[in-house]
Amino acid sequence: MTVDNLIYGDIAVKLGWQLCCRFQLLEWSKSLDACNREIAKQQEMNKALEATIVSIIGENKFSRYLMKVFKKKIKRRKKPEAKAGDGMSPI
């Protein structure tokens, strides 16, 4: 083997790796674009829902409280899993 063959082989490996990286980057870019479109769609739906809620509530003395409740984030706790030996099994 000559030095030229080794250099050409190394170049071929690096070009293949670069092509693979570009392909992966393109896939990730497409995935990111799809996620961004989904986020934009969800934001538009949230704006429409909020406008609907505002129109339904109208202006009264409870409107500020109702909007506060509507915008509040719900925190959910996971249900504790029953252990196998806790005596709660039906069998």
C-alpha atoms as a PDB file:
ATOM      1  CA  MET A   1       0.000   0.000   0.000  1.00  0.00           C
ATOM      2  CA  THR A   2       1.212   3.394  -0.834  1.00  0.00           C
ATOM      3  CA  VAL A   3       0.735   6.606   1.039  1.00  0.00           C
ATOM      4  CA  ASP A   4      -1.585   7.854  -1.691  1.00  0.00           C
ATOM      5  CA  ASN A   5      -3.928   4.894  -1.239  1.00  0.00           C
ATOM      6  CA  LEU A   6      -4.030   5.465   2.508  1.00  0.00           C
ATOM      7  CA  ILE A   7      -4.780   9.156   2.028  1.00  0.00           C
ATOM      8  CA  TYR A   8      -7.517   8.446  -0.529  1.00  0.00           C
ATOM      9  CA  GLY A   9      -9.033   5.831   1.771  1.00  0.00           C
ATOM     10  CA  ASP A  10      -8.999   8.268   4.661  1.00  0.00           C
ATOM     11  CA  ILE A  11     -10.598  10.948   2.497  1.00  0.00           C
ATOM     12  CA  ALA A  12     -13.293   8.523   1.365  1.00  0.00           C
ATOM     13  CA  VAL A  13     -14.084   7.584   4.979  1.00  0.00           C
ATOM     14  CA  LYS A  14     -14.288  11.218   6.047  1.00  0.00           C
ATOM     15  CA  LEU A  15     -16.503  12.135   3.073  1.00  0.00           C
ATOM     16  CA  GLY A  16     -18.815   9.237   3.897  1.00  0.00           C
ATOM     17  CA  TRP A  17     -18.992  10.364   7.509  1.00  0.00           C
ATOM     18  CA  GLN A  18     -19.692  13.947   6.423  1.00  0.00           C
ATOM     19  CA  LEU A  19     -22.488  12.753   4.121  1.00  0.00           C
ATOM     20  CA  CYS A  20     -23.976  10.708   6.930  1.00  0.00           C
ATOM     21  CA  CYS A  21     -23.865  13.725   9.257  1.00  0.00           C
ATOM     22  CA  ARG A  22     -25.540  15.942   6.676  1.00  0.00           C
ATOM     23  CA  PHE A  23     -28.285  13.383   6.155  1.00  0.00           C
ATOM     24  CA  GLN A  24     -28.872  13.124   9.906  1.00  0.00           C
ATOM     25  CA  LEU A  25     -28.911  16.917  10.204  1.00  0.00           C
ATOM     26  CA  LEU A  26     -31.504  17.122   7.430  1.00  0.00           C
ATOM     27  CA  GLU A  27     -33.699  14.562   9.196  1.00  0.00           C
ATOM     28  CA  TRP A  28     -33.449  16.453  12.476  1.00  0.00           C
ATOM     29  CA  SER A  29     -34.238  19.715  10.709  1.00  0.00           C
ATOM     30  CA  LYS A  30     -37.381  18.199   9.188  1.00  0.00           C
ATOM     31  CA  SER A  31     -38.406  16.832  12.566  1.00  0.00           C
ATOM     32  CA  LEU A  32     -37.816  20.211  14.207  1.00  0.00           C
ATOM     33  CA  ASP A  33     -39.872  21.965  11.536  1.00  0.00           C
ATOM     34  CA  ALA A  34     -42.729  19.517  12.088  1.00  0.00           C
ATOM     35  CA  CYS A  35     -42.595  20.126  15.839  1.00  0.00           C
ATOM     36  CA  ASN A  36     -42.571  23.899  15.311  1.00  0.00           C
ATOM     37  CA  ARG A  37     -45.631  23.649  13.048  1.00  0.00           C
ATOM     38  CA  GLU A  38     -47.407  21.544  15.670  1.00  0.00           C
ATOM     39  CA  ILE A  39     -46.550  24.082  18.390  1.00  0.00           C
ATOM     40  CA  ALA A  40     -47.837  26.940  16.236  1.00  0.00           C
ATOM     41  CA  LYS A  41     -51.055  25.025  15.566  1.00  0.00           C
ATOM     42  CA  GLN A  42     -51.538  24.354  19.283  1.00  0.00           C
ATOM     43  CA  GLN A  43     -50.908  28.023  20.111  1.00  0.00           C
ATOM     44  CA  GLU A  44     -53.543  29.095  17.581  1.00  0.00           C
ATOM     45  CA  MET A  45     -56.001  26.605  19.071  1.00  0.00           C
ATOM     46  CA  ASN A  46     -55.267  27.939  22.568  1.00  0.00           C
ATOM     47  CA  LYS A  47     -55.846  31.517  21.409  1.00  0.00           C
ATOM     48  CA  ALA A  48     -59.151  30.516  19.830  1.00  0.00           C
ATOM     49  CA  LEU A  49     -60.184  28.654  22.974  1.00  0.00           C
ATOM     50  CA  GLU A  50     -59.299  31.618  25.167  1.00  0.00           C
ATOM     51  CA  ALA A  51     -61.291  33.955  22.911  1.00  0.00           C
ATOM     52  CA  THR A  52     -64.257  31.585  23.147  1.00  0.00           C
ATOM     53  CA  ILE A  53     -63.997  31.467  26.935  1.00  0.00           C
ATOM     54  CA  VAL A  54     -63.796  35.271  27.118  1.00  0.00           C
ATOM     55  CA  SER A  55     -66.868  35.620  24.915  1.00  0.00           C
ATOM     56  CA  ILE A  56     -68.798  33.079  26.995  1.00  0.00           C
ATOM     57  CA  ILE A  57     -67.826  34.596  30.347  1.00  0.00           C
ATOM     58  CA  GLY A  58     -68.471  38.148  29.256  1.00  0.00           C
ATOM     59  CA  GLU A  59     -68.028  41.014  31.702  1.00  0.00           C
ATOM     60  CA  ASN A  60     -69.339  40.382  35.171  1.00  0.00           C
ATOM     61  CA  LYS A  61     -67.981  40.450  38.692  1.00  0.00           C
ATOM     62  CA  PHE A  62     -66.632  36.883  38.424  1.00  0.00           C
ATOM     63  CA  SER A  63     -64.931  37.216  35.042  1.00  0.00           C
ATOM     64  CA  ARG A  64     -61.452  37.939  36.429  1.00  0.00           C
ATOM     65  CA  TYR A  65     -61.649  34.968  38.800  1.00  0.00           C
ATOM     66  CA  LEU A  66     -62.978  32.649  36.094  1.00  0.00           C
ATOM     67  CA  MET A  67     -60.162  33.631  33.712  1.00  0.00           C
ATOM     68  CA  LYS A  68     -57.641  33.070  36.487  1.00  0.00           C
ATOM     69  CA  VAL A  69     -59.031  29.581  37.066  1.00  0.00           C
ATOM     70  CA  PHE A  70     -59.047  28.883  33.323  1.00  0.00           C
ATOM     71  CA  LYS A  71     -55.397  29.899  32.928  1.00  0.00           C
ATOM     72  CA  LYS A  72     -54.201  28.039  36.019  1.00  0.00           C
ATOM     73  CA  LYS A  73     -51.983  25.084  35.287  1.00  0.00           C
ATOM     74  CA  ILE A  74     -53.146  21.768  36.640  1.00  0.00           C
ATOM     75  CA  LYS A  75     -50.597  19.818  38.621  1.00  0.00           C
ATOM     76  CA  ARG A  76     -51.284  16.118  38.603  1.00  0.00           C
ATOM     77  CA  ARG A  77     -49.726  13.576  40.892  1.00  0.00           C
ATOM     78  CA  LYS A  78     -49.021  10.054  39.829  1.00  0.00           C
ATOM     79  CA  LYS A  79     -51.101   7.386  41.477  1.00  0.00           C
ATOM     80  CA  PRO A  80     -49.078   5.242  43.841  1.00  0.00           C
ATOM     81  CA  GLU A  81     -48.563   1.776  42.463  1.00  0.00           C
ATOM     82  CA  ALA A  82     -49.833  -1.101  44.591  1.00  0.00           C
ATOM     83  CA  LYS A  83     -47.109  -3.441  45.733  1.00  0.00           C
ATOM     84  CA  ALA A  84     -47.448  -7.176  45.157  1.00  0.00           C
ATOM     85  CA  GLY A  85     -47.294  -8.100  48.862  1.00  0.00           C
ATOM     86  CA  ASP A  86     -49.426  -5.322  50.361  1.00  0.00           C
ATOM     87  CA  GLY A  87     -52.533  -7.479  50.875  1.00  0.00           C
ATOM     88  CA  MET A  88     -54.633  -5.487  48.409  1.00  0.00           C
ATOM     89  CA  SER A  89     -54.751  -8.132  45.681  1.00  0.00           C
ATOM     90  CA  PRO A  90     -58.144  -9.747  45.069  1.00  0.00           C
ATOM     91  CA  ILE A  91     -56.692 -13.262  44.835  1.00  0.00           C
END
